Amino acid sequence: MELKLYDTLAREKRPFRPLDPARVRLYVCGPTVYDFAHIGNARPIIVFDVLFRLLRHLYGADHVAYVRNITDVDDKINARAAQDFPFLPLF
């Protein structure tokens, strides 16, 4: 089975060809956690979880690495936290 993904730049489906089929890597930016949760926060988690499972099926569980980060805390996030939760100490 050939996996095709939609290339938004080319506006067409293209075959997925990993740089290294023995070690398929998936790096995904995670949520920025400074506001209330909403349905948009769940979408990437669900979409990339499904893609990760498909890649494991195609390439083998031991050959797929999935990394997801949580956005670094910065001044904007600290200021918002201090505004919304003044009773909590910030580092």
PDB file of N, CA and C in Angstrom:
ATOM      1  N   MET A   1       0.848  -1.187   0.000  1.00  0.00           N
ATOM      2  CA  MET A   1       0.000   0.000   0.000  1.00  0.00           C
ATOM      3  C   MET A   1       0.887   1.242   0.000  1.00  0.00           C
ATOM      4  N   GLU A   2       0.600   2.168  -0.874  1.00  0.00           N
ATOM      5  CA  GLU A   2       1.356   3.414  -0.952  1.00  0.00           C
ATOM      6  C   GLU A   2       0.592   4.508  -0.222  1.00  0.00           C
ATOM      7  N   LEU A   3       1.280   5.203   0.652  1.00  0.00           N
ATOM      8  CA  LEU A   3       0.678   6.312   1.389  1.00  0.00           C
ATOM      9  C   LEU A   3       0.870   7.590   0.590  1.00  0.00           C
ATOM     10  N   LYS A   4      -0.226   8.296   0.362  1.00  0.00           N
ATOM     11  CA  LYS A   4      -0.161   9.591  -0.303  1.00  0.00           C
ATOM     12  C   LYS A   4      -0.683  10.640   0.657  1.00  0.00           C
ATOM     13  N   LEU A   5       0.006  11.772   0.708  1.00  0.00           N
ATOM     14  CA  LEU A   5      -0.395  12.896   1.555  1.00  0.00           C
ATOM     15  C   LEU A   5      -0.616  14.116   0.668  1.00  0.00           C
ATOM     16  N   TYR A   6      -1.501  14.991   1.117  1.00  0.00           N
ATOM     17  CA  TYR A   6      -1.815  16.188   0.338  1.00  0.00           C
ATOM     18  C   TYR A   6      -0.730  17.232   0.553  1.00  0.00           C
ATOM     19  N   ASP A   7      -0.127  17.686  -0.530  1.00  0.00           N
ATOM     20  CA  ASP A   7       0.893  18.731  -0.513  1.00  0.00           C
ATOM     21  C   ASP A   7       0.186  20.056  -0.784  1.00  0.00           C
ATOM     22  N   THR A   8       0.094  20.903   0.243  1.00  0.00           N
ATOM     23  CA  THR A   8      -0.655  22.150   0.079  1.00  0.00           C
ATOM     24  C   THR A   8       0.040  23.115  -0.876  1.00  0.00           C
ATOM     25  N   LEU A   9       1.365  23.046  -0.983  1.00  0.00           N
ATOM     26  CA  LEU A   9       2.076  23.926  -1.899  1.00  0.00           C
ATOM     27  C   LEU A   9       1.785  23.541  -3.349  1.00  0.00           C
ATOM     28  N   ALA A  10       1.849  22.249  -3.638  1.00  0.00           N
ATOM     29  CA  ALA A  10       1.599  21.773  -5.003  1.00  0.00           C
ATOM     30  C   ALA A  10       0.108  21.589  -5.283  1.00  0.00           C
ATOM     31  N   ARG A  11      -0.688  21.574  -4.207  1.00  0.00           N
ATOM     32  CA  ARG A  11      -2.139  21.362  -4.315  1.00  0.00           C
ATOM     33  C   ARG A  11      -2.482  20.032  -4.983  1.00  0.00           C
ATOM     34  N   GLU A  12      -1.758  18.998  -4.562  1.00  0.00           N
ATOM     35  CA  GLU A  12      -2.025  17.663  -5.071  1.00  0.00           C
ATOM     36  C   GLU A  12      -1.537  16.620  -4.069  1.00  0.00           C
ATOM     37  N   LYS A  13      -2.048  15.409  -4.225  1.00  0.00           N
ATOM     38  CA  LYS A  13      -1.580  14.310  -3.393  1.00  0.00           C
ATOM     39  C   LYS A  13      -0.260  13.808  -3.952  1.00  0.00           C
ATOM     40  N   ARG A  14       0.680  13.557  -3.024  1.00  0.00           N
ATOM     41  CA  ARG A  14       1.989  13.056  -3.432  1.00  0.00           C
ATOM     42  C   ARG A  14       2.353  11.842  -2.589  1.00  0.00           C
ATOM     43  N   PRO A  15       3.105  10.913  -3.172  1.00  0.00           N
ATOM     44  CA  PRO A  15       3.526   9.735  -2.397  1.00  0.00           C
ATOM     45  C   PRO A  15       4.434  10.148  -1.237  1.00  0.00           C
ATOM     46  N   PHE A  16       4.225   9.509  -0.097  1.00  0.00           N
ATOM     47  CA  PHE A  16       5.073   9.757   1.070  1.00  0.00           C
ATOM     48  C   PHE A  16       6.324   8.902   0.935  1.00  0.00           C
ATOM     49  N   ARG A  17       7.477   9.560   0.968  1.00  0.00           N
ATOM     50  CA  ARG A  17       8.753   8.866   0.892  1.00  0.00           C
ATOM     51  C   ARG A  17       9.625   9.371   2.043  1.00  0.00           C
ATOM     52  N   PRO A  18       9.760   8.562   3.093  1.00  0.00           N
ATOM     53  CA  PRO A  18      10.575   9.016   4.227  1.00  0.00           C
ATOM     54  C   PRO A  18      12.046   9.135   3.829  1.00  0.00           C
ATOM     55  N   LEU A  19      12.762  10.026   4.491  1.00  0.00           N
ATOM     56  CA  LEU A  19      14.187  10.172   4.231  1.00  0.00           C
ATOM     57  C   LEU A  19      14.924   8.869   4.519  1.00  0.00           C
ATOM     58  N   ASP A  20      14.477   8.177   5.560  1.00  0.00           N
ATOM     59  CA  ASP A  20      15.091   6.904   5.953  1.00  0.00           C
ATOM     60  C   ASP A  20      13.974   5.923   6.297  1.00  0.00           C
ATOM     61  N   PRO A  21      13.626   5.000   5.397  1.00  0.00           N
ATOM     62  CA  PRO A  21      12.534   4.059   5.658  1.00  0.00           C
ATOM     63  C   PRO A  21      12.758   3.182   6.894  1.00  0.00           C
ATOM     64  N   ALA A  22      14.017   3.043   7.314  1.00  0.00           N
ATOM     65  CA  ALA A  22      14.307   2.247   8.505  1.00  0.00           C
ATOM     66  C   ALA A  22      14.021   3.031   9.786  1.00  0.00           C
ATOM     67  N   ARG A  23      13.910   4.363   9.667  1.00  0.00           N
ATOM     68  CA  ARG A  23      13.642   5.200  10.845  1.00  0.00           C
ATOM     69  C   ARG A  23      12.792   6.392  10.427  1.00  0.00           C
ATOM     70  N   VAL A  24      11.487   6.188  10.348  1.00  0.00           N
ATOM     71  CA  VAL A  24      10.556   7.246   9.960  1.00  0.00           C
ATOM     72  C   VAL A  24      10.356   8.155  11.170  1.00  0.00           C
ATOM     73  N   ARG A  25      10.539   9.447  10.971  1.00  0.00           N
ATOM     74  CA  ARG A  25      10.439  10.406  12.075  1.00  0.00           C
ATOM     75  C   ARG A  25       9.282  11.359  11.849  1.00  0.00           C
ATOM     76  N   LEU A  26       8.529  11.592  12.917  1.00  0.00           N
ATOM     77  CA  LEU A  26       7.363  12.476  12.878  1.00  0.00           C
ATOM     78  C   LEU A  26       7.518  13.475  14.014  1.00  0.00           C
ATOM     79  N   TYR A  27       7.736  14.749  13.696  1.00  0.00           N
ATOM     80  CA  TYR A  27       7.883  15.801  14.694  1.00  0.00           C
ATOM     81  C   TYR A  27       6.697  16.743  14.554  1.00  0.00           C
ATOM     82  N   VAL A  28       5.973  16.939  15.647  1.00  0.00           N
ATOM     83  CA  VAL A  28       4.742  17.720  15.615  1.00  0.00           C
ATOM     84  C   VAL A  28       4.785  18.783  16.698  1.00  0.00           C
ATOM     85  N   CYS A  29       4.441  20.011  16.344  1.00  0.00           N
ATOM     86  CA  CYS A  29       4.328  21.064  17.348  1.00  0.00           C
ATOM     87  C   CYS A  29       3.067  20.814  18.163  1.00  0.00           C
ATOM     88  N   GLY A  30       3.221  20.869  19.461  1.00  0.00           N
ATOM     89  CA  GLY A  30       2.092  20.626  20.357  1.00  0.00           C
ATOM     90  C   GLY A  30       1.339  21.902  20.675  1.00  0.00           C
ATOM     91  N   PRO A  31       0.499  21.848  21.679  1.00  0.00           N
ATOM     92  CA  PRO A  31      -0.335  23.007  22.011  1.00  0.00           C
ATOM     93  C   PRO A  31       0.450  24.115  22.705  1.00  0.00           C
ATOM     94  N   THR A  32      -0.050  25.329  22.564  1.00  0.00           N
ATOM     95  CA  THR A  32       0.426  26.456  23.354  1.00  0.00           C
ATOM     96  C   THR A  32      -0.556  26.573  24.505  1.00  0.00           C
ATOM     97  N   VAL A  33      -0.103  26.314  25.696  1.00  0.00           N
ATOM     98  CA  VAL A  33      -1.024  26.164  26.832  1.00  0.00           C
ATOM     99  C   VAL A  33      -1.078  27.422  27.695  1.00  0.00           C
ATOM    100  N   TYR A  34      -1.805  28.427  27.217  1.00  0.00           N
ATOM    101  CA  TYR A  34      -1.958  29.629  28.028  1.00  0.00           C
ATOM    102  C   TYR A  34      -3.393  30.141  28.067  1.00  0.00           C
ATOM    103  N   ASP A  35      -4.316  29.403  27.495  1.00  0.00           N
ATOM    104  CA  ASP A  35      -5.702  29.850  27.474  1.00  0.00           C
ATOM    105  C   ASP A  35      -6.604  28.645  27.680  1.00  0.00           C
ATOM    106  N   PHE A  36      -7.905  28.883  27.628  1.00  0.00           N
ATOM    107  CA  PHE A  36      -8.865  27.807  27.819  1.00  0.00           C
ATOM    108  C   PHE A  36      -8.760  26.790  26.681  1.00  0.00           C
ATOM    109  N   ALA A  37      -8.982  25.529  27.002  1.00  0.00           N
ATOM    110  CA  ALA A  37      -8.968  24.479  25.988  1.00  0.00           C
ATOM    111  C   ALA A  37     -10.196  24.606  25.093  1.00  0.00           C
ATOM    112  N   HIS A  38     -10.036  24.268  23.824  1.00  0.00           N
ATOM    113  CA  HIS A  38     -11.156  24.271  22.884  1.00  0.00           C
ATOM    114  C   HIS A  38     -10.946  23.131  21.896  1.00  0.00           C
ATOM    115  N   ILE A  39     -11.920  22.890  21.050  1.00  0.00           N
ATOM    116  CA  ILE A  39     -11.887  21.746  20.145  1.00  0.00           C
ATOM    117  C   ILE A  39     -10.689  21.799  19.205  1.00  0.00           C
ATOM    118  N   GLY A  40     -10.233  22.981  18.870  1.00  0.00           N
ATOM    119  CA  GLY A  40      -9.070  23.125  18.003  1.00  0.00           C
ATOM    120  C   GLY A  40      -7.805  22.560  18.625  1.00  0.00           C
ATOM    121  N   ASN A  41      -7.734  22.535  19.967  1.00  0.00           N
ATOM    122  CA  ASN A  41      -6.575  21.955  20.637  1.00  0.00           C
ATOM    123  C   ASN A  41      -6.517  20.445  20.429  1.00  0.00           C
ATOM    124  N   ALA A  42      -7.646  19.802  20.260  1.00  0.00           N
ATOM    125  CA  ALA A  42      -7.688  18.340  20.123  1.00  0.00           C
ATOM    126  C   ALA A  42      -7.410  17.884  18.694  1.00  0.00           C
ATOM    127  N   ARG A  43      -7.673  18.716  17.713  1.00  0.00           N
ATOM    128  CA  ARG A  43      -7.536  18.307  16.318  1.00  0.00           C
ATOM    129  C   ARG A  43      -6.142  17.784  15.972  1.00  0.00           C
ATOM    130  N   PRO A  44      -5.068  18.536  16.250  1.00  0.00           N
ATOM    131  CA  PRO A  44      -3.746  18.019  15.880  1.00  0.00           C
ATOM    132  C   PRO A  44      -3.399  16.720  16.607  1.00  0.00           C
ATOM    133  N   ILE A  45      -3.818  16.610  17.844  1.00  0.00           N
ATOM    134  CA  ILE A  45      -3.527  15.394  18.601  1.00  0.00           C
ATOM    135  C   ILE A  45      -4.165  14.195  17.917  1.00  0.00           C
ATOM    136  N   ILE A  46      -5.403  14.343  17.512  1.00  0.00           N
ATOM    137  CA  ILE A  46      -6.120  13.237  16.866  1.00  0.00           C
ATOM    138  C   ILE A  46      -5.543  12.949  15.480  1.00  0.00           C
ATOM    139  N   VAL A  47      -5.343  13.989  14.684  1.00  0.00           N
ATOM    140  CA  VAL A  47      -4.842  13.805  13.315  1.00  0.00           C
ATOM    141  C   VAL A  47      -3.470  13.132  13.319  1.00  0.00           C
ATOM    142  N   PHE A  48      -2.562  13.631  14.141  1.00  0.00           N
ATOM    143  CA  PHE A  48      -1.214  13.076  14.115  1.00  0.00           C
ATOM    144  C   PHE A  48      -1.128  11.737  14.829  1.00  0.00           C
ATOM    145  N   ASP A  49      -2.023  11.467  15.755  1.00  0.00           N
ATOM    146  CA  ASP A  49      -2.071  10.139  16.361  1.00  0.00           C
ATOM    147  C   ASP A  49      -2.493   9.108  15.317  1.00  0.00           C
ATOM    148  N   VAL A  50      -3.465   9.452  14.501  1.00  0.00           N
ATOM    149  CA  VAL A  50      -3.910   8.542  13.439  1.00  0.00           C
ATOM    150  C   VAL A  50      -2.784   8.338  12.419  1.00  0.00           C
ATOM    151  N   LEU A  51      -2.100   9.424  12.038  1.00  0.00           N
ATOM    152  CA  LEU A  51      -0.985   9.299  11.096  1.00  0.00           C
ATOM    153  C   LEU A  51       0.127   8.438  11.689  1.00  0.00           C
ATOM    154  N   PHE A  52       0.446   8.627  12.963  1.00  0.00           N
ATOM    155  CA  PHE A  52       1.468   7.824  13.642  1.00  0.00           C
ATOM    156  C   PHE A  52       1.107   6.348  13.614  1.00  0.00           C
ATOM    157  N   ARG A  53      -0.149   6.028  13.895  1.00  0.00           N
ATOM    158  CA  ARG A  53      -0.586   4.633  13.874  1.00  0.00           C
ATOM    159  C   ARG A  53      -0.488   4.038  12.469  1.00  0.00           C
ATOM    160  N   LEU A  54      -0.833   4.825  11.464  1.00  0.00           N
ATOM    161  CA  LEU A  54      -0.730   4.355  10.086  1.00  0.00           C
ATOM    162  C   LEU A  54       0.730   4.111   9.698  1.00  0.00           C
ATOM    163  N   LEU A  55       1.600   5.030  10.057  1.00  0.00           N
ATOM    164  CA  LEU A  55       3.021   4.863   9.757  1.00  0.00           C
ATOM    165  C   LEU A  55       3.592   3.631  10.456  1.00  0.00           C
ATOM    166  N   ARG A  56       3.179   3.385  11.695  1.00  0.00           N
ATOM    167  CA  ARG A  56       3.632   2.183  12.406  1.00  0.00           C
ATOM    168  C   ARG A  56       3.146   0.918  11.697  1.00  0.00           C
ATOM    169  N   HIS A  57       1.934   0.983  11.183  1.00  0.00           N
ATOM    170  CA  HIS A  57       1.390  -0.162  10.450  1.00  0.00           C
ATOM    171  C   HIS A  57       2.188  -0.418   9.165  1.00  0.00           C
ATOM    172  N   LEU A  58       2.536   0.661   8.466  1.00  0.00           N
ATOM    173  CA  LEU A  58       3.233   0.522   7.183  1.00  0.00           C
ATOM    174  C   LEU A  58       4.719   0.196   7.333  1.00  0.00           C
ATOM    175  N   TYR A  59       5.376   0.811   8.322  1.00  0.00           N
ATOM    176  CA  TYR A  59       6.832   0.680   8.442  1.00  0.00           C
ATOM    177  C   TYR A  59       7.279  -0.177   9.622  1.00  0.00           C
ATOM    178  N   GLY A  60       6.361  -0.527  10.508  1.00  0.00           N
ATOM    179  CA  GLY A  60       6.708  -1.331  11.678  1.00  0.00           C
ATOM    180  C   GLY A  60       6.823  -0.469  12.925  1.00  0.00           C
ATOM    181  N   ALA A  61       6.353  -0.998  14.032  1.00  0.00           N
ATOM    182  CA  ALA A  61       6.314  -0.245  15.288  1.00  0.00           C
ATOM    183  C   ALA A  61       7.698   0.212  15.742  1.00  0.00           C
ATOM    184  N   ASP A  62       8.715  -0.560  15.468  1.00  0.00           N
ATOM    185  CA  ASP A  62      10.068  -0.215  15.918  1.00  0.00           C
ATOM    186  C   ASP A  62      10.784   0.764  14.992  1.00  0.00           C
ATOM    187  N   HIS A  63      10.131   1.166  13.909  1.00  0.00           N
ATOM    188  CA  HIS A  63      10.791   2.011  12.920  1.00  0.00           C
ATOM    189  C   HIS A  63      10.197   3.410  12.801  1.00  0.00           C
ATOM    190  N   VAL A  64       9.290   3.775  13.719  1.00  0.00           N
ATOM    191  CA  VAL A  64       8.652   5.088  13.654  1.00  0.00           C
ATOM    192  C   VAL A  64       8.862   5.808  14.981  1.00  0.00           C
ATOM    193  N   ALA A  65       9.404   7.021  14.910  1.00  0.00           N
ATOM    194  CA  ALA A  65       9.598   7.858  16.089  1.00  0.00           C
ATOM    195  C   ALA A  65       8.627   9.034  16.012  1.00  0.00           C
ATOM    196  N   TYR A  66       7.913   9.278  17.096  1.00  0.00           N
ATOM    197  CA  TYR A  66       6.910  10.347  17.150  1.00  0.00           C
ATOM    198  C   TYR A  66       7.274  11.271  18.299  1.00  0.00           C
ATOM    199  N   VAL A  67       7.554  12.529  17.981  1.00  0.00           N
ATOM    200  CA  VAL A  67       7.911  13.527  18.990  1.00  0.00           C
ATOM    201  C   VAL A  67       6.922  14.676  18.892  1.00  0.00           C
ATOM    202  N   ARG A  68       6.391  15.071  20.050  1.00  0.00           N
ATOM    203  CA  ARG A  68       5.475  16.218  20.100  1.00  0.00           C
ATOM    204  C   ARG A  68       5.949  17.132  21.218  1.00  0.00           C
ATOM    205  N   ASN A  69       6.083  18.403  20.934  1.00  0.00           N
ATOM    206  CA  ASN A  69       6.521  19.332  21.964  1.00  0.00           C
ATOM    207  C   ASN A  69       5.338  20.096  22.538  1.00  0.00           C
ATOM    208  N   ILE A  70       5.574  20.750  23.634  1.00  0.00           N
ATOM    209  CA  ILE A  70       4.629  21.721  24.184  1.00  0.00           C
ATOM    210  C   ILE A  70       5.343  23.052  24.094  1.00  0.00           C
ATOM    211  N   THR A  71       4.659  24.047  23.559  1.00  0.00           N
ATOM    212  CA  THR A  71       5.285  25.338  23.297  1.00  0.00           C
ATOM    213  C   THR A  71       6.001  25.864  24.529  1.00  0.00           C
ATOM    214  N   ASP A  72       7.199  26.403  24.304  1.00  0.00           N
ATOM    215  CA  ASP A  72       7.980  26.960  25.397  1.00  0.00           C
ATOM    216  C   ASP A  72       7.228  28.086  26.089  1.00  0.00           C
ATOM    217  N   VAL A  73       7.439  28.173  27.374  1.00  0.00           N
ATOM    218  CA  VAL A  73       6.830  29.253  28.155  1.00  0.00           C
ATOM    219  C   VAL A  73       7.610  30.523  27.858  1.00  0.00           C
ATOM    220  N   ASP A  74       6.889  31.596  27.549  1.00  0.00           N
ATOM    221  CA  ASP A  74       7.542  32.874  27.289  1.00  0.00           C
ATOM    222  C   ASP A  74       6.854  33.970  28.093  1.00  0.00           C
ATOM    223  N   ASP A  75       7.259  35.209  27.892  1.00  0.00           N
ATOM    224  CA  ASP A  75       6.727  36.328  28.673  1.00  0.00           C
ATOM    225  C   ASP A  75       5.226  36.498  28.489  1.00  0.00           C
ATOM    226  N   LYS A  76       4.729  36.285  27.281  1.00  0.00           N
ATOM    227  CA  LYS A  76       3.292  36.428  27.006  1.00  0.00           C
ATOM    228  C   LYS A  76       2.489  35.424  27.835  1.00  0.00           C
ATOM    229  N   ILE A  77       2.963  34.191  27.890  1.00  0.00           N
ATOM    230  CA  ILE A  77       2.266  33.153  28.647  1.00  0.00           C
ATOM    231  C   ILE A  77       2.356  33.442  30.141  1.00  0.00           C
ATOM    232  N   ASN A  78       3.537  33.872  30.618  1.00  0.00           N
ATOM    233  CA  ASN A  78       3.690  34.216  32.035  1.00  0.00           C
ATOM    234  C   ASN A  78       2.791  35.379  32.428  1.00  0.00           C
ATOM    235  N   ALA A  79       2.701  36.404  31.578  1.00  0.00           N
ATOM    236  CA  ALA A  79       1.849  37.558  31.868  1.00  0.00           C
ATOM    237  C   ALA A  79       0.383  37.147  31.935  1.00  0.00           C
ATOM    238  N   ARG A  80      -0.039  36.305  31.016  1.00  0.00           N
ATOM    239  CA  ARG A  80      -1.430  35.842  31.012  1.00  0.00           C
ATOM    240  C   ARG A  80      -1.733  35.011  32.259  1.00  0.00           C
ATOM    241  N   ALA A  81      -0.796  34.146  32.649  1.00  0.00           N
ATOM    242  CA  ALA A  81      -0.983  33.329  33.845  1.00  0.00           C
ATOM    243  C   ALA A  81      -1.065  34.209  35.088  1.00  0.00           C
ATOM    244  N   ALA A  82      -0.219  35.227  35.187  1.00  0.00           N
ATOM    245  CA  ALA A  82      -0.237  36.134  36.340  1.00  0.00           C
ATOM    246  C   ALA A  82      -1.546  36.908  36.405  1.00  0.00           C
ATOM    247  N   GLN A  83      -2.093  37.248  35.236  1.00  0.00           N
ATOM    248  CA  GLN A  83      -3.364  37.974  35.171  1.00  0.00           C
ATOM    249  C   GLN A  83      -4.527  37.086  35.616  1.00  0.00           C
ATOM    250  N   ASP A  84      -4.564  35.865  35.122  1.00  0.00           N
ATOM    251  CA  ASP A  84      -5.682  34.959  35.391  1.00  0.00           C
ATOM    252  C   ASP A  84      -5.572  34.248  36.732  1.00  0.00           C
ATOM    253  N   PHE A  85      -4.341  34.046  37.214  1.00  0.00           N
ATOM    254  CA  PHE A  85      -4.131  33.292  38.455  1.00  0.00           C
ATOM    255  C   PHE A  85      -3.135  34.028  39.354  1.00  0.00           C
ATOM    256  N   PRO A  86      -3.517  35.204  39.858  1.00  0.00           N
ATOM    257  CA  PRO A  86      -2.566  36.008  40.644  1.00  0.00           C
ATOM    258  C   PRO A  86      -2.140  35.339  41.953  1.00  0.00           C
ATOM    259  N   PHE A  87      -2.889  34.355  42.413  1.00  0.00           N
ATOM    260  CA  PHE A  87      -2.596  33.695  43.665  1.00  0.00           C
ATOM    261  C   PHE A  87      -1.544  32.589  43.524  1.00  0.00           C
ATOM    262  N   LEU A  88      -1.173  32.238  42.287  1.00  0.00           N
ATOM    263  CA  LEU A  88      -0.180  31.194  42.062  1.00  0.00           C
ATOM    264  C   LEU A  88       1.197  31.822  41.869  1.00  0.00           C
ATOM    265  N   PRO A  89       2.206  31.300  42.564  1.00  0.00           N
ATOM    266  CA  PRO A  89       3.567  31.821  42.337  1.00  0.00           C
ATOM    267  C   PRO A  89       4.101  31.355  40.988  1.00  0.00           C
ATOM    268  N   LEU A  90       4.751  32.250  40.275  1.00  0.00           N
ATOM    269  CA  LEU A  90       5.397  31.890  39.021  1.00  0.00           C
ATOM    270  C   LEU A  90       6.873  31.768  39.290  1.00  0.00           C
ATOM    271  N   PHE A  91       7.480  30.762  38.818  1.00  0.00           N
ATOM    272  CA  PHE A  91       8.886  30.412  39.023  1.00  0.00           C
ATOM    273  C   PHE A  91       9.686  31.596  39.419  1.00  0.00           C
TER     274      PHE A  91
END
